[in-house]
């Protein structure tokens, strides 16, 4: 019997390549036929982002990258095409940029209750395809309730920063690994893959892990 392979993934809710990379990893894992156990870890690409942002996504891209709005729109279109290639339909027109710290705290809350995978998918879909505000406690609590978590208890947890130390621990571990960009995948605590690689790359790494463990 093949042992389950642990995969630790550092990513941010507001990172398009993290969502795209998630889909590619899932496809690679399925193609490999190997059992995997996934744990998501927190990473904030823009920790200084406020909860409510006046600028649109394309304006933020232009500011961050130092390009024109036309160039930023072209960059958006390229990401949309890449997302579409893995079955995701991003809606940048409705997207609400926000600070993702609370969302990461919610992921740790869900993890403690065995629901991290469902919560991760729900948050990313809400942010990229539904125009939901994933920085507000009330909206996060609604999303948590949609996957069966206790809404009132989620509000309590987020308002008390119950899992803030867990988020900080993830960020500190990312710093120890030298992670500067996400998504970042660590297989079996030994093999690292950076970026939204093709599904075949993930399948190959999983196979390599299995062979070296034999």
C-alpha atoms as a PDB file:
ATOM      1  CA  UNK A   1       0.000   0.000   0.000  1.00  0.00           C
ATOM      2  CA  UNK A   2       1.344   3.425  -1.004  1.00  0.00           C
ATOM      3  CA  UNK A   3       1.772   5.839   1.887  1.00  0.00           C
ATOM      4  CA  UNK A   4      -0.068   9.144   1.711  1.00  0.00           C
ATOM      5  CA  UNK A   5       2.197  11.972   0.531  1.00  0.00           C
ATOM      6  CA  UNK A   6       2.025  15.174   2.570  1.00  0.00           C
ATOM      7  CA  UNK A   7       1.912  18.355   0.502  1.00  0.00           C
ATOM      8  CA  UNK A   8       2.244  21.738   2.196  1.00  0.00           C
ATOM      9  CA  UNK A   9       1.083  24.672   0.078  1.00  0.00           C
ATOM     10  CA  UNK A  10       1.771  28.328   0.809  1.00  0.00           C
ATOM     11  CA  UNK A  11      -0.648  30.601  -1.013  1.00  0.00           C
ATOM     12  CA  UNK A  12      -2.737  33.750  -0.760  1.00  0.00           C
ATOM     13  CA  UNK A  13      -6.475  34.045  -1.327  1.00  0.00           C
ATOM     14  CA  UNK A  14      -5.932  37.095  -3.555  1.00  0.00           C
ATOM     15  CA  UNK A  15      -3.281  35.436  -5.748  1.00  0.00           C
ATOM     16  CA  UNK A  16      -4.653  34.400  -9.165  1.00  0.00           C
ATOM     17  CA  UNK A  17      -1.742  32.074  -9.822  1.00  0.00           C
ATOM     18  CA  UNK A  18      -2.432  30.347  -6.500  1.00  0.00           C
ATOM     19  CA  UNK A  19      -5.941  29.456  -7.651  1.00  0.00           C
ATOM     20  CA  UNK A  20      -4.676  28.429 -11.088  1.00  0.00           C
ATOM     21  CA  UNK A  21      -1.837  26.480  -9.474  1.00  0.00           C
ATOM     22  CA  UNK A  22      -4.324  24.785  -7.159  1.00  0.00           C
ATOM     23  CA  UNK A  23      -6.221  23.471 -10.165  1.00  0.00           C
ATOM     24  CA  UNK A  24      -3.036  22.321 -11.882  1.00  0.00           C
ATOM     25  CA  UNK A  25      -1.846  20.562  -8.735  1.00  0.00           C
ATOM     26  CA  UNK A  26      -5.214  18.842  -8.341  1.00  0.00           C
ATOM     27  CA  UNK A  27      -5.006  17.635 -11.941  1.00  0.00           C
ATOM     28  CA  UNK A  28      -1.449  16.399 -11.435  1.00  0.00           C
ATOM     29  CA  UNK A  29      -2.334  14.600  -8.218  1.00  0.00           C
ATOM     30  CA  UNK A  30      -5.285  12.913  -9.912  1.00  0.00           C
ATOM     31  CA  UNK A  31      -3.126  11.881 -12.870  1.00  0.00           C
ATOM     32  CA  UNK A  32      -0.484  10.395 -10.566  1.00  0.00           C
ATOM     33  CA  UNK A  33      -3.052   8.195  -8.853  1.00  0.00           C
ATOM     34  CA  UNK A  34      -1.181   8.667  -5.581  1.00  0.00           C
ATOM     35  CA  UNK A  35      -2.853   9.538  -2.266  1.00  0.00           C
ATOM     36  CA  UNK A  36      -2.044  13.027  -1.011  1.00  0.00           C
ATOM     37  CA  UNK A  37      -2.754  14.981   2.153  1.00  0.00           C
ATOM     38  CA  UNK A  38      -2.811  18.723   1.537  1.00  0.00           C
ATOM     39  CA  UNK A  39      -2.309  21.415   4.148  1.00  0.00           C
ATOM     40  CA  UNK A  40      -2.610  25.061   3.152  1.00  0.00           C
ATOM     41  CA  UNK A  41      -0.415  27.688   4.772  1.00  0.00           C
ATOM     42  CA  UNK A  42      -0.818  31.446   4.955  1.00  0.00           C
ATOM     43  CA  UNK A  43       1.073  33.954   2.827  1.00  0.00           C
ATOM     44  CA  UNK A  44       0.189  37.622   2.356  1.00  0.00           C
ATOM     45  CA  UNK A  45       1.336  39.069  -0.956  1.00  0.00           C
ATOM     46  CA  UNK A  46       0.218  42.581   0.006  1.00  0.00           C
ATOM     47  CA  UNK A  47       0.000  42.790   3.811  1.00  0.00           C
ATOM     48  CA  UNK A  48      -0.379  46.586   3.728  1.00  0.00           C
ATOM     49  CA  UNK A  49      -3.639  46.416   1.765  1.00  0.00           C
ATOM     50  CA  UNK A  50      -6.536  47.963   3.731  1.00  0.00           C
ATOM     51  CA  UNK A  51      -9.816  46.136   4.298  1.00  0.00           C
ATOM     52  CA  UNK A  52     -11.656  48.444   1.902  1.00  0.00           C
ATOM     53  CA  UNK A  53      -9.893  49.541  -1.283  1.00  0.00           C
ATOM     54  CA  UNK A  54     -11.135  52.392  -3.471  1.00  0.00           C
ATOM     55  CA  UNK A  55      -9.069  51.506  -6.530  1.00  0.00           C
ATOM     56  CA  UNK A  56     -10.139  48.824  -8.971  1.00  0.00           C
ATOM     57  CA  UNK A  57      -8.079  45.696  -9.521  1.00  0.00           C
ATOM     58  CA  UNK A  58      -6.685  47.013 -12.812  1.00  0.00           C
ATOM     59  CA  UNK A  59      -5.693  50.298 -11.151  1.00  0.00           C
ATOM     60  CA  UNK A  60      -3.850  48.418  -8.413  1.00  0.00           C
ATOM     61  CA  UNK A  61      -2.015  46.315 -10.998  1.00  0.00           C
ATOM     62  CA  UNK A  62      -0.962  49.448 -12.885  1.00  0.00           C
ATOM     63  CA  UNK A  63       0.324  51.046  -9.676  1.00  0.00           C
ATOM     64  CA  UNK A  64       2.123  47.950  -8.443  1.00  0.00           C
ATOM     65  CA  UNK A  65       3.771  47.095 -11.753  1.00  0.00           C
ATOM     66  CA  UNK A  66       4.420  50.667 -12.864  1.00  0.00           C
ATOM     67  CA  UNK A  67       2.536  50.241 -16.137  1.00  0.00           C
ATOM     68  CA  UNK A  68      -0.305  52.030 -17.929  1.00  0.00           C
ATOM     69  CA  UNK A  69      -3.930  51.055 -17.436  1.00  0.00           C
ATOM     70  CA  UNK A  70      -3.967  49.637 -20.957  1.00  0.00           C
ATOM     71  CA  UNK A  71      -0.966  47.457 -20.174  1.00  0.00           C
ATOM     72  CA  UNK A  72      -2.550  46.388 -16.880  1.00  0.00           C
ATOM     73  CA  UNK A  73      -5.736  45.387 -18.708  1.00  0.00           C
ATOM     74  CA  UNK A  74      -3.668  43.305 -21.117  1.00  0.00           C
ATOM     75  CA  UNK A  75      -2.018  41.590 -18.145  1.00  0.00           C
ATOM     76  CA  UNK A  76      -5.467  40.886 -16.709  1.00  0.00           C
ATOM     77  CA  UNK A  77      -6.575  39.352 -19.989  1.00  0.00           C
ATOM     78  CA  UNK A  78      -3.558  37.055 -20.037  1.00  0.00           C
ATOM     79  CA  UNK A  79      -4.410  35.805 -16.548  1.00  0.00           C
ATOM     80  CA  UNK A  80      -8.067  35.357 -17.527  1.00  0.00           C
ATOM     81  CA  UNK A  81      -7.017  33.150 -20.450  1.00  0.00           C
ATOM     82  CA  UNK A  82      -4.764  31.078 -18.213  1.00  0.00           C
ATOM     83  CA  UNK A  83      -7.541  30.692 -15.644  1.00  0.00           C
ATOM     84  CA  UNK A  84      -9.985  29.675 -18.368  1.00  0.00           C
ATOM     85  CA  UNK A  85      -7.554  26.975 -19.520  1.00  0.00           C
ATOM     86  CA  UNK A  86      -7.978  25.208 -16.166  1.00  0.00           C
ATOM     87  CA  UNK A  87     -11.737  25.702 -15.962  1.00  0.00           C
ATOM     88  CA  UNK A  88     -11.847  28.900 -13.908  1.00  0.00           C
ATOM     89  CA  UNK A  89     -13.838  31.982 -14.931  1.00  0.00           C
ATOM     90  CA  UNK A  90     -12.390  35.003 -13.127  1.00  0.00           C
ATOM     91  CA  UNK A  91     -14.497  38.177 -12.996  1.00  0.00           C
ATOM     92  CA  UNK A  92     -12.097  41.076 -12.485  1.00  0.00           C
ATOM     93  CA  UNK A  93     -14.901  43.581 -13.021  1.00  0.00           C
ATOM     94  CA  UNK A  94     -16.578  42.490  -9.771  1.00  0.00           C
ATOM     95  CA  UNK A  95     -13.438  41.611  -7.801  1.00  0.00           C
ATOM     96  CA  UNK A  96     -13.030  43.477  -4.498  1.00  0.00           C
ATOM     97  CA  UNK A  97      -9.356  43.896  -3.506  1.00  0.00           C
ATOM     98  CA  UNK A  98      -8.873  43.645   0.251  1.00  0.00           C
ATOM     99  CA  UNK A  99      -6.526  42.605   3.024  1.00  0.00           C
ATOM    100  CA  UNK A 100      -6.528  38.804   3.286  1.00  0.00           C
ATOM    101  CA  UNK A 101      -5.369  38.388   6.894  1.00  0.00           C
ATOM    102  CA  UNK A 102      -8.861  37.575   8.227  1.00  0.00           C
ATOM    103  CA  UNK A 103      -9.392  35.050   5.439  1.00  0.00           C
ATOM    104  CA  UNK A 104      -6.189  33.300   6.471  1.00  0.00           C
ATOM    105  CA  UNK A 105      -7.364  33.239  10.080  1.00  0.00           C
ATOM    106  CA  UNK A 106     -10.604  31.656   8.878  1.00  0.00           C
ATOM    107  CA  UNK A 107      -8.646  28.968   7.040  1.00  0.00           C
ATOM    108  CA  UNK A 108      -6.951  28.022  10.301  1.00  0.00           C
ATOM    109  CA  UNK A 109     -10.325  27.975  12.046  1.00  0.00           C
ATOM    110  CA  UNK A 110     -11.616  25.621   9.345  1.00  0.00           C
ATOM    111  CA  UNK A 111      -8.465  23.499   9.544  1.00  0.00           C
ATOM    112  CA  UNK A 112      -9.050  22.915  13.262  1.00  0.00           C
ATOM    113  CA  UNK A 113     -12.445  21.496  12.307  1.00  0.00           C
ATOM    114  CA  UNK A 114     -11.289  19.375   9.391  1.00  0.00           C
ATOM    115  CA  UNK A 115     -12.753  21.695   6.748  1.00  0.00           C
ATOM    116  CA  UNK A 116      -9.734  23.590   5.443  1.00  0.00           C
ATOM    117  CA  UNK A 117      -9.877  22.265   1.870  1.00  0.00           C
ATOM    118  CA  UNK A 118     -13.535  23.226   1.459  1.00  0.00           C
ATOM    119  CA  UNK A 119     -12.940  26.643   3.001  1.00  0.00           C
ATOM    120  CA  UNK A 120      -9.962  27.357   0.769  1.00  0.00           C
ATOM    121  CA  UNK A 121     -11.917  26.573  -2.386  1.00  0.00           C
ATOM    122  CA  UNK A 122     -14.931  28.564  -1.195  1.00  0.00           C
ATOM    123  CA  UNK A 123     -12.830  31.640  -0.418  1.00  0.00           C
ATOM    124  CA  UNK A 124     -10.976  31.642  -3.726  1.00  0.00           C
ATOM    125  CA  UNK A 125     -14.144  31.140  -5.746  1.00  0.00           C
ATOM    126  CA  UNK A 126     -15.861  33.902  -3.777  1.00  0.00           C
ATOM    127  CA  UNK A 127     -12.993  36.321  -4.397  1.00  0.00           C
ATOM    128  CA  UNK A 128     -12.170  35.633  -8.026  1.00  0.00           C
ATOM    129  CA  UNK A 129     -15.495  34.635  -9.554  1.00  0.00           C
ATOM    130  CA  UNK A 130     -18.296  36.024  -7.373  1.00  0.00           C
ATOM    131  CA  UNK A 131     -17.146  39.487  -6.324  1.00  0.00           C
ATOM    132  CA  UNK A 132     -17.512  38.701  -2.611  1.00  0.00           C
ATOM    133  CA  UNK A 133     -15.648  40.791  -0.016  1.00  0.00           C
ATOM    134  CA  UNK A 134     -13.284  38.368   1.735  1.00  0.00           C
ATOM    135  CA  UNK A 135     -11.846  40.980   4.090  1.00  0.00           C
ATOM    136  CA  UNK A 136     -14.954  41.594   6.178  1.00  0.00           C
ATOM    137  CA  UNK A 137     -15.824  39.416   9.153  1.00  0.00           C
ATOM    138  CA  UNK A 138     -19.528  39.324   8.260  1.00  0.00           C
ATOM    139  CA  UNK A 139     -18.870  38.146   4.708  1.00  0.00           C
ATOM    140  CA  UNK A 140     -16.306  35.583   5.838  1.00  0.00           C
ATOM    141  CA  UNK A 141     -18.775  34.245   8.388  1.00  0.00           C
ATOM    142  CA  UNK A 142     -21.396  33.896   5.654  1.00  0.00           C
ATOM    143  CA  UNK A 143     -18.966  31.963   3.464  1.00  0.00           C
ATOM    144  CA  UNK A 144     -18.012  29.718   6.385  1.00  0.00           C
ATOM    145  CA  UNK A 145     -21.667  28.992   7.077  1.00  0.00           C
ATOM    146  CA  UNK A 146     -22.109  27.990   3.433  1.00  0.00           C
ATOM    147  CA  UNK A 147     -19.759  25.043   3.991  1.00  0.00           C
ATOM    148  CA  UNK A 148     -21.409  24.067   7.261  1.00  0.00           C
ATOM    149  CA  UNK A 149     -19.367  25.920   9.877  1.00  0.00           C
ATOM    150  CA  UNK A 150     -20.996  27.724  12.798  1.00  0.00           C
ATOM    151  CA  UNK A 151     -21.444  31.338  11.690  1.00  0.00           C
ATOM    152  CA  UNK A 152     -21.645  32.855  15.173  1.00  0.00           C
ATOM    153  CA  UNK A 153     -18.565  30.974  16.325  1.00  0.00           C
ATOM    154  CA  UNK A 154     -16.653  32.126  13.249  1.00  0.00           C
ATOM    155  CA  UNK A 155     -17.525  35.735  14.104  1.00  0.00           C
ATOM    156  CA  UNK A 156     -16.311  35.168  17.658  1.00  0.00           C
ATOM    157  CA  UNK A 157     -13.074  33.596  16.445  1.00  0.00           C
ATOM    158  CA  UNK A 158     -12.258  36.304  13.907  1.00  0.00           C
ATOM    159  CA  UNK A 159     -13.113  39.189  16.221  1.00  0.00           C
ATOM    160  CA  UNK A 160     -10.894  37.724  18.943  1.00  0.00           C
ATOM    161  CA  UNK A 161      -7.921  37.005  16.619  1.00  0.00           C
ATOM    162  CA  UNK A 162      -8.045  33.419  17.855  1.00  0.00           C
ATOM    163  CA  UNK A 163      -5.903  32.108  14.994  1.00  0.00           C
ATOM    164  CA  UNK A 164      -3.695  35.133  14.338  1.00  0.00           C
ATOM    165  CA  UNK A 165      -0.723  33.352  15.929  1.00  0.00           C
ATOM    166  CA  UNK A 166      -1.233  30.425  13.533  1.00  0.00           C
ATOM    167  CA  UNK A 167      -1.098  32.775  10.542  1.00  0.00           C
ATOM    168  CA  UNK A 168       2.081  34.363  11.882  1.00  0.00           C
ATOM    169  CA  UNK A 169       3.631  30.927  12.394  1.00  0.00           C
ATOM    170  CA  UNK A 170       2.970  30.125   8.724  1.00  0.00           C
ATOM    171  CA  UNK A 171       4.550  33.407   7.645  1.00  0.00           C
ATOM    172  CA  UNK A 172       7.599  32.741   9.806  1.00  0.00           C
ATOM    173  CA  UNK A 173       8.002  29.269   8.349  1.00  0.00           C
ATOM    174  CA  UNK A 174       7.722  30.735   4.854  1.00  0.00           C
ATOM    175  CA  UNK A 175      10.536  33.127   5.720  1.00  0.00           C
ATOM    176  CA  UNK A 176      12.683  30.237   6.953  1.00  0.00           C
ATOM    177  CA  UNK A 177      12.097  28.442   3.654  1.00  0.00           C
ATOM    178  CA  UNK A 178      13.013  31.618   1.782  1.00  0.00           C
ATOM    179  CA  UNK A 179       9.599  31.810   0.110  1.00  0.00           C
ATOM    180  CA  UNK A 180       9.203  35.127  -1.713  1.00  0.00           C
ATOM    181  CA  UNK A 181       6.379  34.243  -4.059  1.00  0.00           C
ATOM    182  CA  UNK A 182       3.396  31.927  -4.133  1.00  0.00           C
ATOM    183  CA  UNK A 183       2.091  29.366  -4.778  1.00  0.00           C
ATOM    184  CA  UNK A 184       4.879  27.350  -3.172  1.00  0.00           C
ATOM    185  CA  UNK A 185       4.569  23.590  -2.733  1.00  0.00           C
ATOM    186  CA  UNK A 186       6.594  21.359  -0.399  1.00  0.00           C
ATOM    187  CA  UNK A 187       6.277  17.610  -0.983  1.00  0.00           C
ATOM    188  CA  UNK A 188       7.028  15.217   1.861  1.00  0.00           C
ATOM    189  CA  UNK A 189       9.003  17.976   3.579  1.00  0.00           C
ATOM    190  CA  UNK A 190      11.804  17.480   1.039  1.00  0.00           C
ATOM    191  CA  UNK A 191      10.914  18.580  -2.473  1.00  0.00           C
ATOM    192  CA  UNK A 192       9.859  22.114  -3.368  1.00  0.00           C
ATOM    193  CA  UNK A 193       8.004  23.400  -6.414  1.00  0.00           C
ATOM    194  CA  UNK A 194       7.471  27.117  -6.950  1.00  0.00           C
ATOM    195  CA  UNK A 195       4.737  28.617  -9.104  1.00  0.00           C
ATOM    196  CA  UNK A 196       1.705  27.385 -11.019  1.00  0.00           C
ATOM    197  CA  UNK A 197       3.524  24.606 -12.854  1.00  0.00           C
ATOM    198  CA  UNK A 198       1.887  22.265 -15.347  1.00  0.00           C
ATOM    199  CA  UNK A 199      -0.054  19.280 -14.028  1.00  0.00           C
ATOM    200  CA  UNK A 200       2.597  16.932 -15.430  1.00  0.00           C
ATOM    201  CA  UNK A 201       5.246  18.577 -13.256  1.00  0.00           C
ATOM    202  CA  UNK A 202       3.225  17.930 -10.115  1.00  0.00           C
ATOM    203  CA  UNK A 203       2.520  14.344 -11.175  1.00  0.00           C
ATOM    204  CA  UNK A 204       6.225  13.772 -11.820  1.00  0.00           C
ATOM    205  CA  UNK A 205       7.229  15.155  -8.417  1.00  0.00           C
ATOM    206  CA  UNK A 206       4.678  12.977  -6.636  1.00  0.00           C
ATOM    207  CA  UNK A 207       5.968   9.927  -8.487  1.00  0.00           C
ATOM    208  CA  UNK A 208       9.534  10.852  -7.535  1.00  0.00           C
ATOM    209  CA  UNK A 209       8.545  11.163  -3.882  1.00  0.00           C
ATOM    210  CA  UNK A 210       6.912   7.734  -3.983  1.00  0.00           C
ATOM    211  CA  UNK A 211       9.940   6.122  -5.655  1.00  0.00           C
ATOM    212  CA  UNK A 212      12.418   7.641  -3.215  1.00  0.00           C
ATOM    213  CA  UNK A 213      10.321   6.513  -0.268  1.00  0.00           C
ATOM    214  CA  UNK A 214      10.281   2.911  -1.478  1.00  0.00           C
END
